[in-house]
N, C-alpha and C. Protein backbone atom coordinates (compact mmCIF):
# COMPACT_ATOMS: atom_id res chain seq x y z
N UNK A 1 63.47 68.74 97.45
CA UNK A 1 64.65 68.64 98.28
C UNK A 1 65.95 68.09 97.32
N UNK A 2 65.43 67.22 96.17
CA UNK A 2 66.53 67.24 95.41
C UNK A 2 66.85 68.25 94.40
N UNK A 3 66.11 69.20 94.17
CA UNK A 3 66.37 70.36 93.35
C UNK A 3 67.25 71.23 94.21
N UNK A 4 67.05 71.47 95.56
CA UNK A 4 67.76 72.24 96.55
C UNK A 4 69.33 71.67 96.48
N UNK A 5 69.39 70.30 96.58
CA UNK A 5 70.96 69.88 96.56
C UNK A 5 71.64 70.07 95.22
N UNK A 6 70.68 69.89 94.08
CA UNK A 6 71.30 70.16 92.76
C UNK A 6 71.85 71.52 92.63
N UNK A 7 71.02 72.50 93.14
CA UNK A 7 71.42 73.82 92.87
C UNK A 7 72.61 74.31 93.73
N UNK A 8 72.67 73.63 95.10
CA UNK A 8 73.75 73.94 95.75
C UNK A 8 74.98 73.49 95.17
N UNK A 9 74.94 72.07 94.68
CA UNK A 9 76.11 71.29 94.12
C UNK A 9 76.55 72.08 93.10
N UNK A 10 75.56 72.56 92.19
CA UNK A 10 75.88 73.29 91.15
C UNK A 10 76.64 74.69 91.30
N UNK A 11 75.92 75.48 92.36
CA UNK A 11 76.59 76.75 92.66
C UNK A 11 78.10 76.52 93.42
N UNK A 12 78.22 75.47 94.09
CA UNK A 12 79.42 75.13 94.65
C UNK A 12 80.41 74.85 93.63
N UNK A 13 80.17 74.18 92.43
CA UNK A 13 81.01 73.89 91.46
C UNK A 13 81.38 75.16 90.68
N UNK A 14 80.37 76.07 90.34
CA UNK A 14 80.70 77.17 89.71
C UNK A 14 81.46 78.08 90.69
N UNK A 15 81.12 78.27 91.77
CA UNK A 15 82.03 79.10 92.72
C UNK A 15 83.50 78.74 92.76
N UNK A 16 83.64 77.22 93.01
CA UNK A 16 85.11 76.91 93.08
C UNK A 16 85.78 76.98 91.62
N UNK A 17 85.28 77.00 90.59
CA UNK A 17 85.77 77.29 89.27
C UNK A 17 86.09 78.75 89.15
N UNK A 18 84.94 79.75 89.73
CA UNK A 18 85.33 81.17 89.45
C UNK A 18 86.54 81.55 90.53
N UNK A 19 86.58 80.75 91.59
CA UNK A 19 87.55 81.18 92.39
C UNK A 19 89.00 80.78 92.03
N UNK A 20 89.03 79.52 91.20
CA UNK A 20 90.29 79.16 90.53
C UNK A 20 90.57 80.19 89.39
N UNK A 21 89.51 80.54 88.61
CA UNK A 21 90.14 81.52 87.59
C UNK A 21 90.60 82.67 88.31
N UNK A 22 90.01 83.21 89.19
CA UNK A 22 90.45 84.43 89.86
C UNK A 22 91.86 84.29 90.41
N UNK A 23 92.17 83.08 91.03
CA UNK A 23 93.46 83.01 91.43
C UNK A 23 94.67 82.90 90.55
N UNK A 24 94.01 82.65 89.27
CA UNK A 24 95.05 82.81 88.25
C UNK A 24 95.59 83.91 87.72
N UNK A 25 94.37 84.98 87.88
CA UNK A 25 94.79 86.34 87.27
C UNK A 25 95.63 87.14 88.25
N UNK A 26 96.65 87.48 87.67
CA UNK A 26 97.55 88.25 88.63
C UNK A 26 97.44 89.64 88.13
N UNK A 27 96.75 90.57 88.98
CA UNK A 27 96.65 92.01 88.84
C UNK A 27 98.00 92.78 88.61
N UNK A 28 98.94 92.13 89.40
CA UNK A 28 100.34 92.98 89.21
C UNK A 28 101.13 92.77 88.09
N UNK A 29 100.94 91.73 87.31
CA UNK A 29 101.61 91.25 86.17
C UNK A 29 100.44 91.59 84.95
N UNK A 30 99.37 91.80 85.03
CA UNK A 30 98.52 91.85 84.14
C UNK A 30 98.44 90.74 83.06
N UNK A 31 98.55 89.80 83.63
CA UNK A 31 98.64 88.46 82.71
C UNK A 31 97.46 87.53 83.19
N UNK A 32 97.09 86.92 82.23
CA UNK A 32 95.77 85.96 82.54
C UNK A 32 96.43 84.59 82.12
N UNK A 33 96.05 83.82 82.94
CA UNK A 33 96.42 82.25 82.53
C UNK A 33 95.25 81.65 82.28
N UNK A 34 95.22 80.74 81.22
CA UNK A 34 93.98 79.84 81.05
C UNK A 34 94.11 78.74 81.90
N UNK A 35 92.95 78.20 82.40
CA UNK A 35 92.89 77.09 83.26
C UNK A 35 91.75 76.22 82.86
N UNK A 36 91.94 74.80 82.88
CA UNK A 36 90.97 73.85 82.37
C UNK A 36 90.03 73.78 83.65
N UNK A 37 88.61 73.58 83.20
CA UNK A 37 87.86 73.58 84.23
C UNK A 37 88.21 72.42 84.98
N UNK A 38 87.71 72.28 86.35
CA UNK A 38 87.96 71.10 87.01
C UNK A 38 87.20 69.87 86.55
N UNK A 39 87.73 68.71 86.62
CA UNK A 39 87.21 67.59 85.99
C UNK A 39 86.19 66.94 86.90
N UNK A 40 85.23 66.27 86.45
CA UNK A 40 84.04 65.82 87.33
C UNK A 40 84.52 64.57 87.83
N UNK A 41 84.02 64.05 88.86
CA UNK A 41 84.38 63.02 89.79
C UNK A 41 83.73 61.90 88.99
N UNK A 42 82.73 61.96 88.33
CA UNK A 42 82.01 61.01 87.63
C UNK A 42 82.54 60.64 86.19
N UNK A 43 83.57 61.43 85.68
CA UNK A 43 83.92 61.36 84.36
C UNK A 43 84.77 59.67 84.18
N UNK A 44 84.20 59.19 83.06
CA UNK A 44 84.53 57.91 82.72
C UNK A 44 86.03 57.90 82.31
N UNK A 45 87.10 57.14 83.02
CA UNK A 45 88.38 57.22 82.53
C UNK A 45 88.70 56.54 81.23
N UNK A 46 87.82 55.80 80.96
CA UNK A 46 87.84 55.00 79.34
C UNK A 46 87.53 55.93 78.45
N UNK A 47 86.51 56.79 78.52
CA UNK A 47 86.25 57.60 77.44
C UNK A 47 86.88 58.95 77.50
N UNK A 48 87.55 59.23 78.59
CA UNK A 48 88.39 60.35 78.61
C UNK A 48 89.87 60.11 78.30
N UNK A 49 90.30 59.02 78.16
CA UNK A 49 91.60 58.59 78.02
C UNK A 49 92.11 58.88 76.82
N UNK A 50 91.34 58.52 75.53
CA UNK A 50 91.74 59.13 74.34
C UNK A 50 92.01 60.65 74.13
N UNK A 51 91.23 61.40 74.62
CA UNK A 51 91.45 62.91 74.66
C UNK A 51 92.70 63.46 75.74
N UNK A 52 92.91 62.48 76.79
CA UNK A 52 93.81 63.12 77.77
C UNK A 52 95.28 62.60 77.22
N UNK A 53 95.24 61.27 76.47
CA UNK A 53 96.49 60.92 76.13
C UNK A 53 96.52 60.39 74.73
N UNK A 54 96.37 61.37 73.75
CA UNK A 54 96.10 60.75 72.31
C UNK A 54 97.35 60.03 71.86
N UNK A 55 98.51 60.20 72.15
CA UNK A 55 99.62 59.56 71.62
C UNK A 55 99.57 58.11 72.18
N UNK A 56 99.42 58.00 73.47
CA UNK A 56 99.56 56.64 74.04
C UNK A 56 98.28 55.80 73.45
N UNK A 57 97.10 56.52 73.34
CA UNK A 57 95.91 55.79 72.76
C UNK A 57 96.22 55.22 71.28
N UNK A 58 97.08 56.15 70.58
CA UNK A 58 97.24 55.90 69.02
C UNK A 58 98.14 54.56 69.13
N UNK A 59 99.05 54.47 69.97
CA UNK A 59 100.12 53.15 70.15
C UNK A 59 99.27 52.05 70.49
N UNK A 60 98.34 52.25 71.36
CA UNK A 60 97.52 51.06 71.76
C UNK A 60 96.64 50.47 70.59
N UNK A 61 95.85 51.50 70.19
CA UNK A 61 94.87 51.28 68.75
C UNK A 61 95.85 50.54 67.81
N UNK A 62 96.76 51.08 67.32
CA UNK A 62 97.62 50.79 66.24
C UNK A 62 98.17 49.24 66.41
N UNK A 63 98.65 49.01 67.55
CA UNK A 63 99.24 47.78 67.96
C UNK A 63 98.17 46.66 67.92
N UNK A 64 97.16 47.04 68.72
CA UNK A 64 96.04 46.11 68.80
C UNK A 64 95.35 45.72 67.42
N UNK A 65 95.22 46.72 66.58
CA UNK A 65 94.59 46.61 65.33
C UNK A 65 95.38 45.82 64.36
N UNK A 66 96.64 45.92 64.11
CA UNK A 66 97.40 45.18 63.28
C UNK A 66 97.45 43.82 63.91
N UNK A 67 97.49 43.44 65.21
CA UNK A 67 97.68 42.19 65.59
C UNK A 67 96.23 41.32 65.34
N UNK A 68 95.13 42.14 65.45
CA UNK A 68 93.85 41.53 65.29
C UNK A 68 93.79 41.18 63.80
N UNK A 69 94.23 42.25 63.21
CA UNK A 69 94.07 41.87 61.53
C UNK A 69 94.79 40.75 61.03
N UNK A 70 95.90 40.54 61.60
CA UNK A 70 96.87 39.29 61.06
C UNK A 70 96.09 38.10 61.66
N UNK A 71 95.43 38.12 62.80
CA UNK A 71 94.79 36.96 63.35
C UNK A 71 93.61 36.64 62.57
N UNK A 72 92.97 37.73 62.31
CA UNK A 72 91.54 37.52 61.62
C UNK A 72 92.16 36.84 60.15
N UNK A 73 93.07 37.32 59.37
CA UNK A 73 93.55 36.97 58.33
C UNK A 73 93.96 35.60 58.31
N UNK A 74 94.78 35.03 59.42
CA UNK A 74 95.22 33.69 59.42
C UNK A 74 93.97 32.75 59.78
N UNK A 75 93.07 33.14 60.57
CA UNK A 75 91.69 32.26 60.79
C UNK A 75 90.77 32.34 59.89
N UNK A 76 90.41 33.45 59.18
CA UNK A 76 89.31 33.43 58.27
C UNK A 76 89.83 33.29 56.90
N UNK A 77 90.79 34.04 56.43
CA UNK A 77 91.20 33.79 54.91
C UNK A 77 92.06 32.58 54.85
N UNK A 78 92.81 32.24 55.53
CA UNK A 78 93.87 30.99 55.55
C UNK A 78 93.06 29.56 56.18
N UNK A 79 91.98 29.93 56.98
CA UNK A 79 91.44 28.86 57.52
C UNK A 79 92.16 27.87 58.50
N UNK A 80 93.09 28.71 59.26
CA UNK A 80 93.89 28.17 60.25
C UNK A 80 92.98 28.09 61.71
N UNK A 81 93.37 27.02 62.28
CA UNK A 81 92.68 26.89 63.67
C UNK A 81 93.49 27.86 64.67
N UNK A 82 92.87 28.20 65.92
CA UNK A 82 93.62 29.08 66.91
C UNK A 82 94.92 28.49 67.15
N UNK A 83 95.10 26.96 67.30
CA UNK A 83 96.24 26.45 67.75
C UNK A 83 97.35 26.52 66.74
N UNK A 84 96.92 26.88 65.65
CA UNK A 84 97.76 26.63 64.28
C UNK A 84 98.26 28.21 63.81
N UNK A 85 97.90 29.26 64.54
CA UNK A 85 98.27 30.53 64.33
C UNK A 85 99.71 30.79 64.40
N UNK A 86 100.31 31.29 63.25
CA UNK A 86 101.75 31.59 63.41
C UNK A 86 101.98 32.91 64.14
N UNK A 87 102.41 32.88 65.56
CA UNK A 87 102.50 33.91 66.47
C UNK A 87 103.92 34.62 66.11
N UNK A 88 104.84 33.98 65.49
CA UNK A 88 105.94 34.91 65.09
C UNK A 88 105.66 35.80 64.04
N UNK A 89 104.92 35.38 62.97
CA UNK A 89 104.24 36.20 62.11
C UNK A 89 103.37 37.42 62.71
N UNK A 90 102.60 36.93 63.60
CA UNK A 90 101.83 38.05 64.40
C UNK A 90 102.76 39.04 65.16
N UNK A 91 103.79 38.46 65.63
CA UNK A 91 104.71 39.50 66.30
C UNK A 91 105.39 40.48 65.50
N UNK A 92 105.41 40.15 64.15
CA UNK A 92 106.08 41.09 63.11
C UNK A 92 104.98 42.21 62.96
N UNK A 93 103.59 41.99 63.10
CA UNK A 93 102.58 42.96 63.12
C UNK A 93 102.45 43.75 64.38
N UNK A 94 102.75 43.09 65.32
CA UNK A 94 102.70 43.85 66.75
C UNK A 94 103.94 44.83 66.67
N UNK A 95 105.10 44.61 66.40
CA UNK A 95 106.07 45.40 66.24
C UNK A 95 105.95 46.46 65.37
N UNK A 96 105.41 46.18 64.13
CA UNK A 96 105.23 47.08 63.14
C UNK A 96 104.10 48.10 63.61
N UNK A 97 102.90 47.48 64.14
CA UNK A 97 101.94 48.26 64.46
C UNK A 97 102.24 49.28 65.58
N UNK A 98 103.03 48.74 66.54
CA UNK A 98 103.48 49.78 67.72
C UNK A 98 104.59 50.65 67.08
N UNK A 99 105.50 50.42 66.61
CA UNK A 99 106.77 51.29 66.14
C UNK A 99 106.53 52.19 65.18
N UNK A 100 106.00 51.60 64.08
CA UNK A 100 105.85 52.34 62.96
C UNK A 100 104.24 53.35 62.82
N UNK A 101 103.31 52.18 62.96
CA UNK A 101 102.04 52.91 62.58
C UNK A 101 101.54 53.74 64.03
N UNK A 102 102.02 53.35 65.01
CA UNK A 102 101.63 53.91 66.37
C UNK A 102 102.46 55.24 66.69
N UNK A 103 103.85 54.90 66.39
CA UNK A 103 104.81 55.86 66.70
C UNK A 103 105.13 56.94 65.69
N UNK A 104 105.70 56.38 64.50
CA UNK A 104 106.38 57.06 63.39
C UNK A 104 105.19 57.83 62.63
N UNK A 105 104.23 57.05 62.45
CA UNK A 105 103.26 57.86 61.77
C UNK A 105 102.45 58.96 62.47
N UNK A 106 102.25 58.77 63.85
CA UNK A 106 101.95 60.12 64.70
C UNK A 106 102.77 61.07 64.33
N UNK A 107 104.07 60.93 64.35
CA UNK A 107 105.05 62.03 64.23
C UNK A 107 104.76 62.65 62.65
N UNK A 108 104.75 61.57 61.80
CA UNK A 108 104.38 62.15 60.46
C UNK A 108 103.18 62.90 60.06
N UNK A 109 102.15 62.47 60.51
CA UNK A 109 100.76 62.70 60.01
C UNK A 109 100.06 63.57 60.93
N UNK A 110 100.54 63.84 62.16
CA UNK A 110 100.14 64.51 63.14
C UNK A 110 100.92 65.89 63.37
N UNK A 111 102.33 65.65 63.68
CA UNK A 111 103.31 66.85 63.77
C UNK A 111 103.58 67.37 62.51
N UNK A 112 104.15 66.48 61.42
CA UNK A 112 104.72 67.19 60.47
C UNK A 112 103.69 67.63 59.30
N UNK A 113 102.54 66.87 59.17
CA UNK A 113 101.46 67.48 58.33
C UNK A 113 101.07 68.77 58.99
N UNK A 114 100.86 69.11 60.06
CA UNK A 114 100.30 70.30 60.61
C UNK A 114 101.38 71.37 60.16
N UNK A 115 102.50 71.04 60.11
CA UNK A 115 103.42 72.18 59.66
C UNK A 115 103.52 72.34 58.09
N UNK A 116 103.51 71.03 57.25
CA UNK A 116 103.46 71.16 55.94
C UNK A 116 102.15 71.69 55.35
N UNK A 117 101.16 71.31 55.98
CA UNK A 117 99.72 71.66 55.40
C UNK A 117 98.93 72.16 56.39
N UNK A 118 99.07 73.58 56.45
CA UNK A 118 98.46 74.34 57.58
C UNK A 118 97.02 74.49 57.55
N UNK A 119 96.35 74.15 56.62
CA UNK A 119 94.97 74.06 56.56
C UNK A 119 94.31 72.76 57.20
N UNK A 120 95.04 71.84 57.47
CA UNK A 120 94.62 70.45 57.79
C UNK A 120 93.65 70.52 58.86
N UNK A 121 93.89 71.06 60.02
CA UNK A 121 92.91 70.99 61.17
C UNK A 121 91.60 71.76 61.03
N UNK A 122 91.65 72.88 60.27
CA UNK A 122 90.63 73.74 60.15
C UNK A 122 89.68 73.06 59.15
N UNK A 123 90.22 72.50 57.97
CA UNK A 123 89.55 71.61 56.85
C UNK A 123 88.71 70.63 57.39
N UNK A 124 89.64 69.68 58.34
CA UNK A 124 88.96 68.53 58.91
C UNK A 124 87.39 68.95 59.55
N UNK A 125 87.28 69.92 60.29
CA UNK A 125 86.35 70.46 60.91
C UNK A 125 85.30 70.76 60.03
N UNK A 126 85.43 71.17 58.80
CA UNK A 126 84.16 71.60 57.97
C UNK A 126 83.23 70.55 57.55
N UNK A 127 82.11 70.95 57.42
CA UNK A 127 81.06 70.10 56.95
C UNK A 127 81.42 69.61 55.40
N UNK A 128 80.82 68.71 54.79
CA UNK A 128 81.35 68.43 53.47
C UNK A 128 80.85 69.43 52.50
N UNK A 129 79.78 70.06 52.68
CA UNK A 129 79.40 71.10 51.67
C UNK A 129 80.39 72.37 51.86
N UNK A 130 80.73 72.56 52.96
CA UNK A 130 81.79 73.53 53.30
C UNK A 130 83.25 73.22 52.60
N UNK A 131 83.68 71.97 52.72
CA UNK A 131 84.88 71.50 52.15
C UNK A 131 84.96 71.78 50.82
N UNK A 132 83.81 71.56 50.14
CA UNK A 132 83.69 71.54 48.54
C UNK A 132 84.06 73.05 48.08
N UNK A 133 83.77 73.93 48.98
CA UNK A 133 83.82 75.30 48.64
C UNK A 133 85.40 75.91 49.23
N UNK A 134 86.11 75.25 49.94
CA UNK A 134 87.25 75.51 50.47
C UNK A 134 88.37 75.44 49.49
N UNK A 135 88.78 76.12 48.83
CA UNK A 135 89.81 75.78 47.84
C UNK A 135 91.16 75.47 48.52
N UNK A 136 91.66 76.28 49.30
CA UNK A 136 92.94 76.30 50.12
C UNK A 136 93.04 74.67 50.78
N UNK A 137 91.92 74.30 51.46
CA UNK A 137 91.57 73.08 52.08
C UNK A 137 91.67 71.86 51.06
N UNK A 138 91.11 71.97 50.05
CA UNK A 138 91.07 71.10 49.02
C UNK A 138 92.37 70.86 48.46
N UNK A 139 93.32 71.88 48.20
CA UNK A 139 94.63 71.73 47.64
C UNK A 139 95.51 71.10 48.50
N UNK A 140 95.33 71.62 49.79
CA UNK A 140 96.27 70.91 51.10
C UNK A 140 95.77 69.37 50.98
N UNK A 141 94.67 69.05 50.98
CA UNK A 141 94.14 67.70 51.08
C UNK A 141 94.61 66.77 49.80
N UNK A 142 94.85 67.41 48.70
CA UNK A 142 95.38 66.83 47.55
C UNK A 142 96.73 66.51 47.50
N UNK A 143 97.53 67.55 48.07
CA UNK A 143 98.88 67.42 48.46
C UNK A 143 99.33 66.36 49.49
N UNK A 144 98.50 66.29 50.61
CA UNK A 144 98.63 65.34 51.60
C UNK A 144 98.49 63.90 50.78
N UNK A 145 97.63 63.71 50.07
CA UNK A 145 97.34 62.42 49.48
C UNK A 145 98.44 61.97 48.50
N UNK A 146 98.80 63.21 47.78
CA UNK A 146 99.86 62.97 46.77
C UNK A 146 101.05 62.52 47.66
N UNK A 147 101.41 63.33 48.50
CA UNK A 147 102.67 63.07 49.39
C UNK A 147 102.61 61.58 49.96
N UNK A 148 101.48 61.10 50.34
CA UNK A 148 101.19 59.72 50.97
C UNK A 148 101.55 58.80 49.95
N UNK A 149 100.92 58.86 48.45
CA UNK A 149 101.05 57.99 47.83
C UNK A 149 102.58 57.98 46.95
N UNK A 150 103.01 58.87 46.77
CA UNK A 150 104.19 59.12 45.89
C UNK A 150 105.34 58.88 46.73
N UNK A 151 105.44 59.65 47.97
CA UNK A 151 106.58 59.52 48.94
C UNK A 151 106.61 58.55 49.92
N UNK A 152 105.63 58.69 50.77
CA UNK A 152 105.49 58.11 52.09
C UNK A 152 105.21 56.59 51.79
N UNK A 153 104.33 56.12 51.16
CA UNK A 153 104.17 54.65 50.77
C UNK A 153 105.34 53.96 50.17
N UNK A 154 105.90 54.35 49.16
CA UNK A 154 107.11 53.62 48.37
C UNK A 154 108.37 53.77 49.07
N UNK A 155 108.36 55.01 49.68
CA UNK A 155 109.90 55.35 50.15
C UNK A 155 110.19 55.15 51.70
N UNK A 156 108.91 55.02 52.44
CA UNK A 156 109.17 54.95 53.86
C UNK A 156 108.31 53.69 54.38
N UNK A 157 107.18 53.52 53.95
CA UNK A 157 106.00 52.66 54.61
C UNK A 157 106.80 51.24 54.22
N UNK A 158 106.58 51.15 52.83
CA UNK A 158 107.10 49.46 52.40
C UNK A 158 108.59 49.24 52.89
N UNK A 159 109.34 50.05 52.73
CA UNK A 159 110.78 49.52 53.22
C UNK A 159 110.80 49.44 54.55
N UNK A 160 110.06 50.07 55.36
CA UNK A 160 110.07 49.65 56.83
C UNK A 160 109.50 48.66 57.32
N UNK A 161 108.34 48.24 56.55
CA UNK A 161 107.55 47.07 56.78
C UNK A 161 108.48 45.74 56.42
N UNK A 162 109.04 45.89 55.38
CA UNK A 162 109.88 44.67 55.05
C UNK A 162 110.99 44.68 55.74
N UNK A 163 111.61 45.58 56.30
CA UNK A 163 112.83 45.50 57.11
C UNK A 163 112.30 44.97 58.63
N UNK A 164 111.34 45.46 59.22
CA UNK A 164 110.75 44.82 60.31
C UNK A 164 110.36 43.42 60.27
N UNK A 165 109.93 43.02 58.93
CA UNK A 165 109.49 41.69 58.80
C UNK A 165 110.74 40.73 58.73
N UNK A 166 111.68 41.28 58.20
CA UNK A 166 112.91 40.39 58.19
C UNK A 166 113.80 40.50 59.36
N UNK A 167 113.66 41.64 60.26
CA UNK A 167 114.34 41.58 61.34
C UNK A 167 113.56 40.82 62.30
N UNK A 168 112.32 40.69 62.50
CA UNK A 168 111.56 40.02 63.42
C UNK A 168 111.53 38.32 62.98
N UNK A 169 111.03 38.23 61.66
CA UNK A 169 110.89 36.92 61.32
C UNK A 169 111.79 36.16 60.35
N UNK A 170 113.00 36.84 60.16
CA UNK A 170 113.82 36.36 59.26
C UNK A 170 114.86 35.29 60.01
N UNK A 171 115.74 34.83 59.46
CA UNK A 171 116.67 33.92 59.84
C UNK A 171 118.08 34.59 60.43
N UNK A 172 118.22 35.65 59.76
CA UNK A 172 119.54 36.46 59.93
C UNK A 172 119.22 37.90 60.27
N UNK A 173 120.13 38.45 60.90
CA UNK A 173 119.97 39.83 60.94
C UNK A 173 120.95 40.56 60.07
N UNK A 174 121.45 39.97 59.23
CA UNK A 174 122.14 40.56 58.06
C UNK A 174 121.44 41.07 57.02
N UNK A 175 121.32 42.19 56.57
CA UNK A 175 120.48 42.51 55.44
C UNK A 175 120.72 42.08 54.20
N UNK A 176 122.17 41.47 53.89
CA UNK A 176 122.42 40.82 52.79
C UNK A 176 121.57 39.54 52.50
N UNK A 177 121.47 38.82 53.74
CA UNK A 177 120.89 37.60 53.60
C UNK A 177 119.55 37.84 53.36
N UNK A 178 118.82 38.94 53.88
CA UNK A 178 117.35 39.28 53.39
C UNK A 178 117.23 39.16 51.96
N UNK A 179 118.01 39.76 51.46
CA UNK A 179 117.82 39.65 49.79
C UNK A 179 117.70 38.28 49.19
N UNK A 180 118.33 37.35 49.71
CA UNK A 180 118.47 35.76 49.31
C UNK A 180 117.17 35.23 49.59
N UNK A 181 116.21 35.54 50.40
CA UNK A 181 114.85 35.17 50.51
C UNK A 181 113.95 35.25 49.67
């Protein structure tokens, strides 16, 4: 009985999918439009969220990660109690994690790196042994590391962090006063 139900449900799903595909093919225009398969009703929204909304997921992870890292540093490394946590300092990490790590670095390391280093996506999918044989991918990987260490970190990352730190946690919004601290 159960196998009859499964086969009917499976054939119903396949037929509805095939019907959807057939509808998207327009014989008069001779074009074919790709269609995503219909999502199943039992798909877990928590596990599908990162794939469906990668940028929003990046913002959430970057913000939560930097806030949690600061709280761990204050509690474990500095030995503060929960009620002694410096929430203004944590706010600096929340703003920096959201705006820079979540937003700007997405633009830089996903959007721009794909343009500047065209082998990035293909190289990332290779096994370690295949990566060692891929000269173009290794060269692009070395270029990415070099760009990150020589240009991104000293010229963009650290100045942005310290600007946000002074803007959120400083006493004045005047950059001249920031130099006095």
